[in-house]
């Protein structure tokens, strides 16, 4: 059996540089499948698969929100908690430009543009999370404490 070849993305380079402990997981990507597909393919709870969402405030300043795969972001509550008037998802082309990754393969690690990262507080309660490694069909598994150590996100409670 051939050894799986994992991609070496900017996210993977950063995690290796920071000596983060993580595992690599390839799966059959499905367009518009989202976290339901990745959790099914990897055999993990969708709640532990973390979405990387590129959003922007009213001044078009980009930001990243990390949310459970089975939850949505209350943009109204997020705006209130971070002191903005409004927050909304970026158009896919804009998100790609800010992150340097393709939507569906967006990792919060080693983005093209430095952006503030907001982490749904309840993610810290999980023993292990799965988050995009910088390519469609490629997730990395890690302890949420490693993510916090590398990204230094601000904790928010905006899941619905």
N, C-alpha and C. Protein backbone atom coordinates (compact mmCIF):
# COMPACT_ATOMS: atom_id res chain seq x y z
N UNK A 1 0.84 -1.19 0.00
CA UNK A 1 0.00 0.00 0.00
C UNK A 1 0.89 1.25 0.00
N UNK A 2 0.57 2.20 -0.85
CA UNK A 2 1.35 3.43 -0.96
C UNK A 2 1.11 4.33 0.25
N UNK A 3 2.15 4.99 0.68
CA UNK A 3 2.04 5.92 1.80
C UNK A 3 1.31 7.17 1.32
N UNK A 4 0.37 7.66 2.15
CA UNK A 4 -0.37 8.86 1.76
C UNK A 4 0.58 10.05 1.72
N UNK A 5 0.41 10.88 0.70
CA UNK A 5 1.24 12.07 0.56
C UNK A 5 0.42 13.26 1.03
N UNK A 6 0.83 13.85 2.14
CA UNK A 6 0.12 14.99 2.70
C UNK A 6 0.67 16.28 2.09
N UNK A 7 -0.21 17.24 1.82
CA UNK A 7 0.28 18.51 1.27
C UNK A 7 1.11 19.29 2.30
N UNK A 8 2.07 20.04 1.79
CA UNK A 8 2.86 20.93 2.66
C UNK A 8 2.43 22.35 2.32
N UNK A 9 1.47 22.83 3.09
CA UNK A 9 0.87 24.15 2.88
C UNK A 9 1.56 25.17 3.80
N UNK A 10 1.30 26.46 3.59
CA UNK A 10 1.84 27.45 4.54
C UNK A 10 1.42 27.15 5.99
N UNK A 11 0.19 26.63 6.17
CA UNK A 11 -0.29 26.28 7.51
C UNK A 11 0.59 25.19 8.13
N UNK A 12 0.91 24.16 7.36
CA UNK A 12 1.74 23.06 7.85
C UNK A 12 3.15 23.56 8.17
N UNK A 13 3.69 24.41 7.31
CA UNK A 13 5.03 24.96 7.57
C UNK A 13 5.05 25.73 8.90
N UNK A 14 4.02 26.56 9.13
CA UNK A 14 3.95 27.33 10.36
C UNK A 14 3.83 26.41 11.58
N UNK A 15 2.97 25.41 11.50
CA UNK A 15 2.79 24.49 12.63
C UNK A 15 4.08 23.74 12.94
N UNK A 16 4.80 23.35 11.91
CA UNK A 16 6.09 22.67 12.12
C UNK A 16 7.10 23.62 12.74
N UNK A 17 7.11 24.86 12.26
CA UNK A 17 8.03 25.87 12.79
C UNK A 17 7.76 26.12 14.28
N UNK A 18 6.48 26.12 14.66
CA UNK A 18 6.08 26.35 16.05
C UNK A 18 6.14 25.08 16.89
N UNK A 19 6.56 23.98 16.25
CA UNK A 19 6.67 22.67 16.93
C UNK A 19 5.33 22.24 17.54
N UNK A 20 4.25 22.48 16.81
CA UNK A 20 2.92 22.08 17.26
C UNK A 20 2.72 20.59 17.02
N UNK A 21 2.02 19.94 17.93
CA UNK A 21 1.69 18.52 17.78
C UNK A 21 0.37 18.42 17.03
N UNK A 22 0.39 17.76 15.86
CA UNK A 22 -0.84 17.62 15.08
C UNK A 22 -0.78 16.37 14.22
N UNK A 23 -1.94 15.93 13.77
CA UNK A 23 -2.04 14.79 12.86
C UNK A 23 -2.63 15.28 11.55
N UNK A 24 -2.34 14.58 10.47
CA UNK A 24 -2.82 14.99 9.15
C UNK A 24 -3.86 13.99 8.64
N UNK A 25 -4.92 14.53 8.03
CA UNK A 25 -6.03 13.68 7.58
C UNK A 25 -6.53 14.14 6.21
N UNK A 26 -6.40 13.26 5.22
CA UNK A 26 -6.95 13.54 3.89
C UNK A 26 -8.34 12.91 3.80
N UNK A 27 -9.23 13.54 3.04
CA UNK A 27 -10.56 12.96 2.81
C UNK A 27 -11.03 13.39 1.43
N UNK A 28 -12.06 12.71 0.93
CA UNK A 28 -12.61 13.03 -0.39
C UNK A 28 -13.46 14.29 -0.27
N UNK A 29 -12.94 15.40 -0.76
CA UNK A 29 -13.63 16.69 -0.69
C UNK A 29 -14.84 16.68 -1.61
N UNK A 30 -15.94 17.25 -1.12
CA UNK A 30 -17.15 17.42 -1.94
C UNK A 30 -17.49 18.90 -1.95
N UNK A 31 -17.66 19.47 -3.14
CA UNK A 31 -18.01 20.88 -3.26
C UNK A 31 -19.31 21.16 -2.50
N UNK A 32 -19.32 22.18 -1.69
CA UNK A 32 -20.45 22.60 -0.86
C UNK A 32 -20.84 21.56 0.20
N UNK A 33 -19.94 20.60 0.47
CA UNK A 33 -20.23 19.56 1.46
C UNK A 33 -19.99 20.00 2.89
N UNK A 34 -19.05 20.93 3.05
CA UNK A 34 -18.76 21.49 4.37
C UNK A 34 -18.30 20.48 5.40
N UNK A 35 -18.55 20.83 6.65
CA UNK A 35 -18.06 20.00 7.75
C UNK A 35 -18.83 18.69 7.87
N UNK A 36 -20.05 18.63 7.33
CA UNK A 36 -20.80 17.36 7.37
C UNK A 36 -20.04 16.28 6.62
N UNK A 37 -19.47 16.64 5.47
CA UNK A 37 -18.72 15.67 4.66
C UNK A 37 -17.41 15.30 5.35
N UNK A 38 -16.65 16.30 5.81
CA UNK A 38 -15.36 15.98 6.42
C UNK A 38 -15.54 15.15 7.69
N UNK A 39 -16.55 15.45 8.50
CA UNK A 39 -16.75 14.67 9.73
C UNK A 39 -17.16 13.23 9.38
N UNK A 40 -18.00 13.08 8.37
CA UNK A 40 -18.41 11.73 7.93
C UNK A 40 -17.22 10.95 7.39
N UNK A 41 -16.42 11.60 6.55
CA UNK A 41 -15.27 10.93 5.93
C UNK A 41 -14.20 10.53 6.95
N UNK A 42 -14.02 11.37 7.98
CA UNK A 42 -12.99 11.08 8.99
C UNK A 42 -13.54 10.26 10.16
N UNK A 43 -14.89 10.12 10.21
CA UNK A 43 -15.50 9.37 11.30
C UNK A 43 -15.40 10.07 12.64
N UNK A 44 -15.53 11.41 12.62
CA UNK A 44 -15.48 12.19 13.86
C UNK A 44 -16.76 13.02 13.99
N UNK A 45 -17.06 13.44 15.20
CA UNK A 45 -18.24 14.26 15.47
C UNK A 45 -18.09 15.61 14.77
N UNK A 46 -19.15 16.05 14.08
CA UNK A 46 -19.10 17.34 13.37
C UNK A 46 -18.84 18.50 14.33
N UNK A 47 -19.21 18.35 15.58
CA UNK A 47 -18.98 19.40 16.58
C UNK A 47 -17.48 19.65 16.78
N UNK A 48 -16.65 18.63 16.52
CA UNK A 48 -15.19 18.74 16.70
C UNK A 48 -14.48 19.21 15.42
N UNK A 49 -15.24 19.32 14.31
CA UNK A 49 -14.66 19.84 13.07
C UNK A 49 -14.90 21.35 13.09
N UNK A 50 -13.82 22.11 13.02
CA UNK A 50 -13.90 23.56 13.20
C UNK A 50 -13.83 24.27 11.85
N UNK A 51 -14.82 25.14 11.63
CA UNK A 51 -14.86 25.95 10.40
C UNK A 51 -14.00 27.18 10.58
N UNK A 52 -13.29 27.54 9.51
CA UNK A 52 -12.52 28.79 9.47
C UNK A 52 -13.30 29.74 8.58
N UNK A 53 -13.91 30.75 9.18
CA UNK A 53 -14.77 31.69 8.45
C UNK A 53 -14.09 33.05 8.33
N UNK A 54 -13.94 33.52 7.10
CA UNK A 54 -13.36 34.85 6.89
C UNK A 54 -14.53 35.83 6.77
N UNK A 55 -14.54 36.80 7.66
CA UNK A 55 -15.61 37.80 7.71
C UNK A 55 -14.99 39.18 7.67
N UNK A 56 -15.85 40.20 7.63
CA UNK A 56 -15.35 41.58 7.67
C UNK A 56 -16.30 42.45 8.45
N UNK A 57 -15.73 43.53 9.01
CA UNK A 57 -16.56 44.47 9.75
C UNK A 57 -17.09 45.55 8.80
N UNK A 58 -17.77 46.54 9.35
CA UNK A 58 -18.40 47.59 8.52
C UNK A 58 -17.40 48.40 7.71
N UNK A 59 -16.14 48.40 8.12
CA UNK A 59 -15.10 49.13 7.39
C UNK A 59 -14.33 48.19 6.44
N UNK A 60 -14.88 47.00 6.21
CA UNK A 60 -14.28 45.98 5.33
C UNK A 60 -12.94 45.48 5.85
N UNK A 61 -12.73 45.57 7.17
CA UNK A 61 -11.52 45.01 7.78
C UNK A 61 -11.77 43.51 8.00
N UNK A 62 -10.90 42.65 7.47
CA UNK A 62 -11.13 41.21 7.58
C UNK A 62 -10.81 40.66 8.96
N UNK A 63 -11.47 39.56 9.30
CA UNK A 63 -11.23 38.85 10.55
C UNK A 63 -11.60 37.39 10.34
N UNK A 64 -11.09 36.55 11.22
CA UNK A 64 -11.38 35.11 11.15
C UNK A 64 -12.17 34.70 12.37
N UNK A 65 -13.20 33.88 12.14
CA UNK A 65 -13.98 33.29 13.23
C UNK A 65 -13.85 31.78 13.11
N UNK A 66 -13.51 31.13 14.21
CA UNK A 66 -13.43 29.68 14.26
C UNK A 66 -14.65 29.17 15.02
N UNK A 67 -15.43 28.31 14.35
CA UNK A 67 -16.72 27.86 14.90
C UNK A 67 -16.88 26.36 14.71
N UNK A 68 -17.60 25.73 15.64
CA UNK A 68 -17.96 24.31 15.52
C UNK A 68 -18.65 24.08 14.17
N UNK A 69 -18.39 22.94 13.57
CA UNK A 69 -18.99 22.62 12.28
C UNK A 69 -20.50 22.55 12.31
N UNK A 70 -21.08 22.19 13.45
CA UNK A 70 -22.53 22.04 13.54
C UNK A 70 -23.22 23.27 14.13
N UNK A 71 -22.52 24.39 14.20
CA UNK A 71 -23.11 25.63 14.75
C UNK A 71 -22.92 26.77 13.75
N UNK A 72 -23.68 27.81 13.93
CA UNK A 72 -23.57 29.01 13.10
C UNK A 72 -23.01 30.14 13.97
N UNK A 73 -22.59 31.21 13.32
CA UNK A 73 -22.08 32.39 14.03
C UNK A 73 -23.19 33.44 14.07
N UNK A 74 -23.47 33.95 15.25
CA UNK A 74 -24.37 35.10 15.37
C UNK A 74 -23.51 36.33 15.07
N UNK A 75 -23.64 36.86 13.85
CA UNK A 75 -22.80 38.00 13.47
C UNK A 75 -23.18 39.24 14.29
N UNK A 76 -24.42 39.32 14.69
CA UNK A 76 -24.86 40.45 15.52
C UNK A 76 -24.16 40.40 16.89
N UNK A 77 -24.13 39.21 17.49
CA UNK A 77 -23.47 39.04 18.79
C UNK A 77 -21.96 39.22 18.66
N UNK A 78 -21.38 38.72 17.56
CA UNK A 78 -19.95 38.89 17.33
C UNK A 78 -19.61 40.38 17.24
N UNK A 79 -20.37 41.13 16.46
CA UNK A 79 -20.13 42.57 16.32
C UNK A 79 -20.19 43.25 17.70
N UNK A 80 -21.18 42.87 18.50
CA UNK A 80 -21.34 43.46 19.83
C UNK A 80 -20.11 43.13 20.69
N UNK A 81 -19.66 41.87 20.66
CA UNK A 81 -18.54 41.46 21.52
C UNK A 81 -17.20 42.06 21.10
N UNK A 82 -17.03 42.35 19.82
CA UNK A 82 -15.73 42.88 19.39
C UNK A 82 -15.76 44.39 19.15
N UNK A 83 -16.91 45.02 19.43
CA UNK A 83 -16.99 46.47 19.36
C UNK A 83 -17.14 47.04 17.96
N UNK A 84 -17.82 46.32 17.08
CA UNK A 84 -18.08 46.81 15.72
C UNK A 84 -19.57 47.07 15.55
N UNK A 85 -19.92 47.79 14.48
CA UNK A 85 -21.33 47.98 14.17
C UNK A 85 -21.91 46.73 13.55
N UNK A 86 -21.20 46.19 12.54
CA UNK A 86 -21.68 44.98 11.85
C UNK A 86 -20.50 44.08 11.49
N UNK A 87 -20.82 42.80 11.35
CA UNK A 87 -19.87 41.80 10.84
C UNK A 87 -20.64 40.96 9.85
N UNK A 88 -20.02 40.68 8.71
CA UNK A 88 -20.68 39.83 7.71
C UNK A 88 -19.64 38.96 7.01
N UNK A 89 -20.08 37.82 6.46
CA UNK A 89 -19.13 36.96 5.75
C UNK A 89 -18.58 37.68 4.52
N UNK A 90 -17.33 37.42 4.21
CA UNK A 90 -16.73 37.97 2.98
C UNK A 90 -17.23 37.17 1.78
N UNK A 91 -17.24 37.81 0.63
CA UNK A 91 -17.50 37.09 -0.62
C UNK A 91 -16.36 36.10 -0.79
N UNK A 92 -16.60 34.93 -1.40
CA UNK A 92 -15.54 33.93 -1.55
C UNK A 92 -14.25 34.47 -2.17
N UNK A 93 -14.33 35.28 -3.21
CA UNK A 93 -13.11 35.81 -3.84
C UNK A 93 -12.35 36.72 -2.88
N UNK A 94 -13.08 37.49 -2.07
CA UNK A 94 -12.45 38.38 -1.08
C UNK A 94 -11.80 37.55 0.02
N UNK A 95 -12.50 36.51 0.47
CA UNK A 95 -11.95 35.62 1.51
C UNK A 95 -10.67 34.97 1.01
N UNK A 96 -10.67 34.51 -0.25
CA UNK A 96 -9.47 33.89 -0.84
C UNK A 96 -8.30 34.88 -0.85
N UNK A 97 -8.60 36.13 -1.21
CA UNK A 97 -7.57 37.17 -1.31
C UNK A 97 -6.95 37.45 0.08
N UNK A 98 -7.80 37.56 1.09
CA UNK A 98 -7.31 37.84 2.44
C UNK A 98 -6.52 36.67 3.02
N UNK A 99 -7.04 35.47 2.84
CA UNK A 99 -6.44 34.30 3.50
C UNK A 99 -5.28 33.70 2.72
N UNK A 100 -5.32 33.81 1.40
CA UNK A 100 -4.32 33.14 0.58
C UNK A 100 -4.68 31.69 0.32
N UNK A 101 -5.83 31.27 0.83
CA UNK A 101 -6.32 29.91 0.62
C UNK A 101 -7.61 29.97 -0.19
N UNK A 102 -7.99 28.82 -0.75
CA UNK A 102 -9.23 28.73 -1.50
C UNK A 102 -10.36 28.38 -0.54
N UNK A 103 -11.53 29.04 -0.68
CA UNK A 103 -12.67 28.72 0.17
C UNK A 103 -12.93 27.21 0.07
N UNK A 104 -13.14 26.59 1.23
CA UNK A 104 -13.27 25.13 1.29
C UNK A 104 -11.95 24.51 1.73
N UNK A 105 -10.89 25.32 1.69
CA UNK A 105 -9.56 24.88 2.11
C UNK A 105 -8.87 25.95 2.94
N UNK A 106 -9.67 26.82 3.56
CA UNK A 106 -9.11 27.93 4.33
C UNK A 106 -8.65 27.47 5.70
N UNK A 107 -7.39 27.74 5.99
CA UNK A 107 -6.82 27.45 7.30
C UNK A 107 -6.63 28.77 8.04
N UNK A 108 -6.77 28.77 9.36
CA UNK A 108 -6.49 30.00 10.11
C UNK A 108 -5.00 30.24 10.32
N UNK A 109 -4.18 29.23 9.97
CA UNK A 109 -2.74 29.32 10.18
C UNK A 109 -2.05 29.88 8.94
N UNK A 110 -1.13 30.81 9.12
CA UNK A 110 -0.30 31.35 8.03
C UNK A 110 -1.14 31.96 6.91
N UNK A 111 -2.07 32.82 7.27
CA UNK A 111 -2.87 33.50 6.25
C UNK A 111 -2.02 34.56 5.55
N UNK A 112 -2.40 34.88 4.32
CA UNK A 112 -1.65 35.87 3.54
C UNK A 112 -1.65 37.21 4.27
N UNK A 113 -2.81 37.63 4.75
CA UNK A 113 -2.94 38.89 5.47
C UNK A 113 -3.14 38.57 6.95
N UNK A 114 -2.44 39.25 7.82
CA UNK A 114 -2.63 39.04 9.27
C UNK A 114 -4.02 39.55 9.64
N UNK A 115 -4.79 38.71 10.28
CA UNK A 115 -6.15 39.08 10.67
C UNK A 115 -6.38 38.66 12.12
N UNK A 116 -7.21 39.43 12.86
CA UNK A 116 -7.55 38.98 14.21
C UNK A 116 -8.34 37.66 14.11
N UNK A 117 -8.10 36.77 15.07
CA UNK A 117 -8.78 35.47 15.08
C UNK A 117 -9.66 35.42 16.33
N UNK A 118 -10.93 35.05 16.13
CA UNK A 118 -11.89 34.92 17.21
C UNK A 118 -12.29 33.44 17.28
N UNK A 119 -12.17 32.86 18.48
CA UNK A 119 -12.43 31.44 18.68
C UNK A 119 -13.66 31.27 19.56
N UNK A 120 -14.63 30.50 19.08
CA UNK A 120 -15.80 30.18 19.90
C UNK A 120 -15.29 29.49 21.17
N UNK A 121 -15.64 30.08 22.30
CA UNK A 121 -15.14 29.66 23.61
C UNK A 121 -15.32 28.16 23.88
N UNK A 122 -16.46 27.58 23.47
CA UNK A 122 -16.74 26.18 23.79
C UNK A 122 -15.81 25.21 23.06
N UNK A 123 -15.10 25.67 22.03
CA UNK A 123 -14.14 24.81 21.33
C UNK A 123 -13.01 24.41 22.28
N UNK A 124 -12.70 25.27 23.24
CA UNK A 124 -11.60 24.99 24.18
C UNK A 124 -11.93 23.81 25.10
N UNK A 125 -13.19 23.43 25.18
CA UNK A 125 -13.62 22.32 26.05
C UNK A 125 -13.41 20.95 25.40
N UNK A 126 -13.16 20.94 24.08
CA UNK A 126 -13.01 19.67 23.37
C UNK A 126 -11.61 19.09 23.57
N UNK A 127 -11.49 17.76 23.63
CA UNK A 127 -10.17 17.16 23.80
C UNK A 127 -9.33 17.23 22.52
N UNK A 128 -9.98 17.22 21.36
CA UNK A 128 -9.28 17.24 20.07
C UNK A 128 -10.19 17.89 19.04
N UNK A 129 -9.58 18.71 18.18
CA UNK A 129 -10.35 19.34 17.12
C UNK A 129 -9.72 19.03 15.76
N UNK A 130 -10.51 19.20 14.72
CA UNK A 130 -10.07 18.98 13.34
C UNK A 130 -10.34 20.28 12.60
N UNK A 131 -9.30 20.83 11.98
CA UNK A 131 -9.41 22.13 11.34
C UNK A 131 -8.66 22.09 10.02
N UNK A 132 -9.03 22.93 9.09
CA UNK A 132 -8.44 22.86 7.76
C UNK A 132 -6.94 23.10 7.79
N UNK A 133 -6.24 22.30 7.01
CA UNK A 133 -4.78 22.39 6.93
C UNK A 133 -4.30 23.22 5.76
N UNK A 134 -5.22 23.89 5.05
CA UNK A 134 -4.81 24.79 3.97
C UNK A 134 -5.06 24.26 2.58
N UNK A 135 -5.86 23.22 2.46
CA UNK A 135 -6.18 22.66 1.15
C UNK A 135 -7.51 21.92 1.26
N UNK A 136 -8.30 21.98 0.21
CA UNK A 136 -9.57 21.24 0.20
C UNK A 136 -9.27 19.75 0.37
N UNK A 137 -10.05 19.11 1.26
CA UNK A 137 -9.86 17.68 1.50
C UNK A 137 -8.72 17.35 2.43
N UNK A 138 -8.29 18.33 3.24
CA UNK A 138 -7.15 18.12 4.13
C UNK A 138 -7.40 18.82 5.47
N UNK A 139 -7.58 18.01 6.52
CA UNK A 139 -7.74 18.55 7.86
C UNK A 139 -6.57 18.13 8.73
N UNK A 140 -6.33 18.92 9.76
CA UNK A 140 -5.35 18.53 10.77
C UNK A 140 -6.08 18.36 12.09
N UNK A 141 -5.63 17.40 12.86
CA UNK A 141 -6.19 17.17 14.19
C UNK A 141 -5.22 17.66 15.23
N UNK A 142 -5.73 18.37 16.23
CA UNK A 142 -4.85 18.86 17.30
C UNK A 142 -5.64 19.18 18.55
N UNK A 143 -4.94 19.32 19.63
CA UNK A 143 -5.53 19.74 20.90
C UNK A 143 -5.83 21.23 20.76
N UNK A 144 -7.01 21.69 21.19
CA UNK A 144 -7.32 23.13 21.08
C UNK A 144 -6.28 24.03 21.76
N UNK A 145 -5.59 23.50 22.76
CA UNK A 145 -4.56 24.31 23.44
C UNK A 145 -3.40 24.63 22.50
N UNK A 146 -3.11 23.72 21.56
CA UNK A 146 -2.06 23.98 20.57
C UNK A 146 -2.50 25.11 19.65
N UNK A 147 -3.76 25.07 19.22
CA UNK A 147 -4.30 26.13 18.37
C UNK A 147 -4.19 27.49 19.08
N UNK A 148 -4.55 27.51 20.35
CA UNK A 148 -4.50 28.75 21.13
C UNK A 148 -3.06 29.23 21.28
N UNK A 149 -2.14 28.30 21.51
CA UNK A 149 -0.72 28.67 21.66
C UNK A 149 -0.19 29.31 20.38
N UNK A 150 -0.53 28.74 19.23
CA UNK A 150 0.00 29.22 17.95
C UNK A 150 -0.71 30.49 17.48
N UNK A 151 -2.05 30.53 17.58
CA UNK A 151 -2.81 31.65 17.01
C UNK A 151 -3.10 32.80 17.97
N UNK A 152 -3.10 32.52 19.27
CA UNK A 152 -3.44 33.55 20.27
C UNK A 152 -4.79 34.22 19.95
N UNK A 153 -5.86 33.43 19.75
CA UNK A 153 -7.14 34.02 19.39
C UNK A 153 -7.83 34.67 20.59
N UNK A 154 -8.78 35.50 20.28
CA UNK A 154 -9.64 36.08 21.33
C UNK A 154 -10.86 35.17 21.46
N UNK A 155 -11.19 34.78 22.68
CA UNK A 155 -12.35 33.92 22.89
C UNK A 155 -13.63 34.74 22.86
N UNK A 156 -14.63 34.19 22.17
CA UNK A 156 -15.94 34.83 22.06
C UNK A 156 -17.00 33.76 22.26
N UNK A 157 -18.21 34.19 22.56
CA UNK A 157 -19.34 33.26 22.71
C UNK A 157 -20.41 33.73 21.73
N UNK A 158 -20.34 33.22 20.50
CA UNK A 158 -21.21 33.71 19.42
C UNK A 158 -21.88 32.58 18.64
N UNK A 159 -21.78 31.34 19.14
CA UNK A 159 -22.36 30.20 18.44
C UNK A 159 -23.86 30.10 18.65
N UNK A 160 -24.56 29.77 17.57
CA UNK A 160 -26.01 29.53 17.66
C UNK A 160 -26.37 28.24 16.95
